[in-house]
Protein backbone atom coordinates (compact mmCIF):
# COMPACT_ATOMS: atom_id res chain seq x y z
CA MET A 1 1.26 -48.00 -29.80
CA ALA A 2 4.65 -46.63 -28.36
CA THR A 3 4.35 -43.71 -25.75
CA LYS A 4 6.74 -40.98 -26.03
CA ASP A 5 8.34 -39.71 -22.53
CA THR A 6 8.74 -36.11 -22.73
CA GLY A 7 10.09 -35.36 -19.03
CA GLY A 8 6.52 -33.65 -18.44
CA GLY A 9 6.59 -34.96 -14.80
CA GLN A 10 10.17 -33.06 -14.13
CA GLN A 11 8.80 -30.11 -15.81
CA ARG A 12 5.92 -29.89 -13.31
CA ALA A 13 8.09 -30.41 -10.22
CA ASN A 14 10.22 -27.49 -11.57
CA ARG A 15 7.23 -25.44 -12.15
CA SER A 16 6.01 -26.35 -8.77
CA SER A 17 9.11 -25.23 -6.83
CA GLU A 18 9.32 -21.91 -9.16
CA GLU A 19 5.63 -21.37 -7.90
CA VAL A 20 6.40 -21.82 -4.38
CA GLU A 21 9.50 -19.45 -4.73
CA GLU A 22 7.42 -16.92 -6.41
CA ALA A 23 4.80 -17.37 -3.53
CA GLU A 24 7.70 -16.58 -1.06
CA VAL A 25 8.83 -13.38 -2.55
CA GLU A 26 5.24 -12.14 -3.22
CA ALA A 27 4.46 -12.92 0.53
CA ASN A 28 7.93 -11.05 1.59
CA GLU A 29 6.95 -8.06 -0.63
CA SER A 30 3.30 -8.37 0.46
CA SER A 31 4.77 -7.96 3.95
CA ASP A 32 7.12 -5.08 3.00
CA LEU A 33 4.07 -3.25 1.54
CA LYS A 34 1.78 -3.64 4.34
CA ASP A 35 4.57 -2.25 6.81
CA ARG A 36 5.03 0.76 4.35
CA LYS A 37 1.05 1.33 4.23
CA ALA A 38 1.05 1.14 8.19
CA LYS A 39 3.96 3.59 8.21
CA LEU A 40 2.08 5.77 5.81
CA ASP A 41 -1.27 5.73 7.42
CA ASP A 42 0.46 6.74 10.74
CA ASP A 43 1.93 9.63 9.02
CA VAL A 44 -1.45 10.82 7.41
CA ASP A 45 -2.94 10.38 10.80
CA ALA A 46 -0.52 12.60 12.50
CA VAL A 47 -0.80 15.30 9.80
CA LEU A 48 -4.65 15.14 10.22
CA ASP A 49 -4.48 15.31 13.74
CA ASP A 50 -2.18 18.40 13.60
CA ILE A 51 -4.78 19.87 11.32
CA ASP A 52 -7.50 19.21 13.67
CA GLU A 53 -5.65 20.76 16.65
CA ILE A 54 -5.10 24.15 14.68
CA LEU A 55 -8.84 24.17 13.70
CA GLU A 56 -9.90 23.69 16.97
CA SER A 57 -7.71 26.40 18.54
CA ASP A 58 -8.16 28.91 15.61
CA ALA A 59 -11.00 28.08 13.26
CA GLU A 60 -12.53 31.65 13.25
CA SER A 61 -9.39 33.08 11.80
CA PHE A 62 -8.82 30.09 9.49
CA VAL A 63 -12.24 30.40 8.02
CA ARG A 64 -12.04 34.30 7.65
CA SER A 65 -8.91 33.78 5.74
CA TYR A 66 -10.98 32.09 2.93
CA VAL A 67 -14.07 34.52 3.07
CA GLN A 68 -14.21 36.94 0.10
CA LYS A 69 -13.99 40.53 0.72
CA GLY A 70 -15.80 43.20 -1.44
CA GLY A 71 -15.35 42.47 -5.15
CA GLN A 72 -12.91 39.71 -4.97
């Protein structure tokens, strides 16, 4: 019985190199995403710190601005 050579070995090698390239691209994108997330986290933390400072210095007037008056 004769066997048919379909060149499957070569295709597997191509797939492997493509998978490696895809993994490298994903790793680079992952690194970029991590950098963006870290920057956004820092920005959010800064905003929350500003809010905390305002509330610490003037919390009473902040709360009073939300208290309902009369029939409101």
